[in-house]
Amino acid sequence: MLNASDLRKGLKLQIDGAPYIITDFEFSKPGKGQALYRCKMRNMISGNQLVKTYRSNDKFEKAELEERKMQYLYNQNNEYHFMDTDNYEQLFLTAEQLGDNKNYLIDNMEVEVLFFESLPIDVTLPIFVNLSVTVADPWAKGDTSGNDTKPVTVETGYQLQVPPFVEEGDKIQIDTRTGEYVTRVKE
């Protein structure tokens, strides 16, 4: 059991039988009375947002979550298929469940899949991924209006801004937390 004083951003709780993650957290101690903990939470299965205020004597149940190393295989329509590297069991997650993570998945990538009561609910990717640029427009040299970036599309279909020297066929490193260009990769 967790106390209200254990609450913090990123903590995973079980509320009414469903796993929630705290996305925002505020602590306030009024002049007299109990401390208040205001939490903004997201349901890890449905994605619904919830805002609740708790008192210092409230208790919580920690979400029973399990992480398993899996390998991304392929996507078909709206389903992204993964294989457990220990027992070769296969499962799929939908594009809605993956969210922005689907922009960085490449075949045979090792990922951590998060399970709640044997139901897959989330994927943890490596922090950096190397993807090939498939579409890159030439950069106009005279354009010095401030930002020296241009849009490109990588092999997964994801579009991002990169420096002008990046060309079609280059491999670039992308930060999966922000979706931003990090560096060009030499092979």
Protein backbone atom coordinates (compact mmCIF):
# COMPACT_ATOMS: atom_id res chain seq x y z
CA MET A 1 0.00 0.00 0.00
CA LEU A 2 1.13 3.53 -0.77
CA ASN A 3 0.46 6.68 1.23
CA ALA A 4 -0.45 10.07 -0.23
CA SER A 5 3.08 11.27 0.61
CA ASP A 6 4.42 8.68 -1.89
CA LEU A 7 2.58 10.32 -4.81
CA ARG A 8 4.78 11.80 -7.54
CA LYS A 9 4.83 12.27 -11.31
CA GLY A 10 5.29 8.98 -13.19
CA LEU A 11 3.97 6.77 -10.36
CA LYS A 12 1.65 3.97 -11.49
CA LEU A 13 -1.41 3.30 -9.30
CA GLN A 14 -4.40 1.00 -9.43
CA ILE A 15 -7.70 2.84 -9.02
CA ASP A 16 -11.05 1.02 -9.30
CA GLY A 17 -9.28 -2.00 -10.84
CA ALA A 18 -7.53 -0.05 -13.63
CA PRO A 19 -3.90 1.11 -13.92
CA TYR A 20 -3.29 4.87 -13.89
CA ILE A 21 -0.09 6.88 -14.30
CA ILE A 22 0.31 10.28 -12.63
CA THR A 23 1.04 12.87 -15.35
CA ASP A 24 0.99 16.00 -13.16
CA PHE A 25 1.22 16.52 -9.43
CA GLU A 26 0.73 19.46 -7.03
CA PHE A 27 1.23 19.53 -3.27
CA SER A 28 -0.36 22.22 -1.08
CA LYS A 29 -0.41 22.68 2.68
CA PRO A 30 -3.09 25.13 3.76
CA GLY A 31 -2.52 27.12 6.96
CA LYS A 32 -4.59 24.74 8.97
CA GLY A 33 -5.88 21.31 8.16
CA GLN A 34 -4.44 18.41 6.21
CA ALA A 35 -2.05 18.58 3.28
CA LEU A 36 -3.68 18.23 -0.16
CA TYR A 37 -2.28 16.27 -3.11
CA ARG A 38 -3.81 17.20 -6.47
CA CYS A 39 -3.07 14.62 -9.15
CA LYS A 40 -3.73 14.59 -12.88
CA MET A 41 -3.77 10.95 -14.01
CA ARG A 42 -4.16 9.02 -17.25
CA ASN A 43 -5.78 5.60 -17.51
CA MET A 44 -3.09 3.37 -19.07
CA ILE A 45 -5.64 1.22 -20.90
CA SER A 46 -8.25 3.67 -22.21
CA GLY A 47 -6.17 6.88 -22.15
CA ASN A 48 -8.88 8.81 -20.25
CA GLN A 49 -7.69 11.71 -18.07
CA LEU A 50 -8.68 12.03 -14.42
CA VAL A 51 -8.04 14.84 -11.92
CA LYS A 52 -8.41 14.04 -8.22
CA THR A 53 -7.42 15.63 -4.93
CA TYR A 54 -6.30 13.44 -2.05
CA ARG A 55 -5.67 14.10 1.65
CA SER A 56 -2.53 13.07 3.51
CA ASN A 57 -4.19 10.05 5.16
CA ASP A 58 -5.44 8.44 1.89
CA LYS A 59 -3.98 5.05 0.88
CA PHE A 60 -3.41 3.64 -2.62
CA GLU A 61 -2.74 0.32 -4.23
CA LYS A 62 0.32 0.09 -6.48
CA ALA A 63 -0.50 -1.18 -9.97
CA GLU A 64 0.71 -4.75 -10.53
CA LEU A 65 2.57 -4.32 -13.79
CA GLU A 66 4.99 -6.68 -15.53
CA GLU A 67 7.55 -5.81 -18.21
CA ARG A 68 8.71 -8.37 -20.77
CA LYS A 69 11.38 -8.07 -23.43
CA MET A 70 9.81 -8.53 -26.84
CA GLN A 71 10.77 -8.12 -30.48
CA TYR A 72 8.77 -6.01 -32.94
CA LEU A 73 7.92 -8.08 -36.01
CA TYR A 74 5.62 -6.19 -38.40
CA ASN A 75 2.45 -4.15 -38.68
CA GLN A 76 -0.69 -5.12 -40.51
CA ASN A 77 -3.41 -2.51 -40.97
CA ASN A 78 -3.82 -1.01 -37.48
CA GLU A 79 -2.11 -3.86 -35.57
CA TYR A 80 1.55 -3.93 -34.54
CA HIS A 81 2.80 -7.47 -33.88
CA PHE A 82 5.38 -8.40 -31.22
CA MET A 83 7.05 -11.69 -30.22
CA ASP A 84 8.17 -12.70 -26.71
CA THR A 85 11.89 -13.51 -26.95
CA ASP A 86 11.63 -16.22 -24.25
CA ASN A 87 8.67 -18.36 -25.33
CA TYR A 88 8.06 -17.07 -28.92
CA GLU A 89 4.46 -16.16 -28.08
CA GLN A 90 3.04 -13.44 -30.34
CA LEU A 91 0.67 -10.59 -29.55
CA PHE A 92 -0.37 -7.29 -31.08
CA LEU A 93 -1.03 -3.74 -29.96
CA THR A 94 -3.16 -1.22 -31.84
CA ALA A 95 -1.89 2.11 -33.17
CA GLU A 96 -3.96 3.88 -30.48
CA GLN A 97 -2.24 1.89 -27.72
CA LEU A 98 1.21 2.68 -29.13
CA GLY A 99 0.58 6.39 -29.70
CA ASP A 100 3.69 8.18 -31.00
CA ASN A 101 5.85 5.10 -30.34
CA LYS A 102 4.69 3.63 -33.66
CA ASN A 103 6.76 6.31 -35.46
CA TYR A 104 10.02 4.71 -34.32
CA LEU A 105 9.37 0.96 -34.66
CA ILE A 106 11.57 -0.91 -37.13
CA ASP A 107 11.59 -4.65 -37.85
CA ASN A 108 13.34 -6.85 -35.24
CA MET A 109 13.68 -3.99 -32.71
CA GLU A 110 13.92 -5.10 -29.07
CA VAL A 111 11.38 -3.30 -26.84
CA GLU A 112 9.92 -3.65 -23.34
CA VAL A 113 6.16 -4.38 -23.36
CA LEU A 114 4.22 -3.45 -20.21
CA PHE A 115 1.48 -5.84 -19.09
CA PHE A 116 -1.41 -5.35 -16.64
CA GLU A 117 -3.14 -8.59 -15.65
CA SER A 118 -1.62 -10.32 -18.74
CA LEU A 119 -3.00 -7.57 -21.02
CA PRO A 120 -0.39 -5.59 -23.03
CA ILE A 121 -0.90 -1.84 -22.42
CA ASP A 122 2.31 0.03 -23.33
CA VAL A 123 5.70 -0.21 -25.05
CA THR A 124 9.01 1.24 -23.85
CA LEU A 125 11.41 1.97 -26.70
CA PRO A 126 15.16 2.53 -26.64
CA ILE A 127 15.95 6.22 -26.04
CA PHE A 128 17.59 6.62 -29.45
CA VAL A 129 16.75 4.91 -32.76
CA ASN A 130 18.58 5.06 -36.10
CA LEU A 131 16.27 5.47 -39.10
CA SER A 132 16.94 5.98 -42.82
CA VAL A 133 15.74 9.14 -44.54
CA THR A 134 13.44 8.22 -47.45
CA VAL A 135 12.26 11.69 -48.56
CA ALA A 136 14.32 14.88 -48.27
CA ASP A 137 13.73 17.98 -50.37
CA PRO A 138 16.81 19.91 -51.46
CA TRP A 139 17.61 22.89 -49.27
CA ALA A 140 17.33 26.39 -50.78
CA LYS A 141 20.70 28.06 -50.06
CA GLY A 142 19.35 31.60 -50.08
CA ASP A 143 16.79 30.85 -47.38
CA THR A 144 18.37 32.32 -44.24
CA SER A 145 15.20 33.52 -42.56
CA GLY A 146 16.21 32.11 -39.20
CA ASN A 147 15.71 28.39 -38.74
CA ASP A 148 18.13 26.36 -40.79
CA THR A 149 16.07 23.18 -40.90
CA LYS A 150 14.08 21.29 -43.48
CA PRO A 151 11.40 18.59 -43.27
CA VAL A 152 12.28 14.96 -44.04
CA THR A 153 10.42 11.65 -43.91
CA VAL A 154 12.05 8.53 -42.44
CA GLU A 155 11.46 4.86 -43.27
CA THR A 156 8.56 4.53 -40.79
CA GLY A 157 6.66 7.43 -42.41
CA TYR A 158 7.44 9.83 -39.54
CA GLN A 159 8.19 13.46 -40.54
CA LEU A 160 10.58 15.72 -38.62
CA GLN A 161 12.79 18.79 -38.98
CA VAL A 162 16.53 18.24 -39.59
CA PRO A 163 19.57 20.38 -40.51
CA PRO A 164 19.93 21.20 -44.22
CA PHE A 165 22.91 18.87 -44.83
CA VAL A 166 20.80 15.72 -44.24
CA GLU A 167 19.97 14.07 -47.56
CA GLU A 168 17.85 11.21 -48.84
CA GLY A 169 19.46 7.86 -47.97
CA ASP A 170 21.25 9.16 -44.85
CA LYS A 171 20.76 7.39 -41.53
CA ILE A 172 19.85 9.72 -38.66
CA GLN A 173 19.49 9.24 -34.92
CA ILE A 174 16.16 10.31 -33.36
CA ASP A 175 15.35 10.79 -29.66
CA THR A 176 12.19 8.72 -29.05
CA ARG A 177 11.22 10.83 -26.01
CA THR A 178 10.94 14.08 -28.00
CA GLY A 179 10.80 12.91 -31.62
CA GLU A 180 13.66 15.26 -32.54
CA TYR A 181 16.76 14.83 -34.68
CA VAL A 182 19.96 14.12 -32.71
CA THR A 183 22.76 13.44 -35.21
CA ARG A 184 23.64 11.87 -38.55
CA VAL A 185 24.88 8.28 -38.21
CA LYS A 186 27.89 6.96 -40.12
CA GLU A 187 27.66 3.28 -41.03
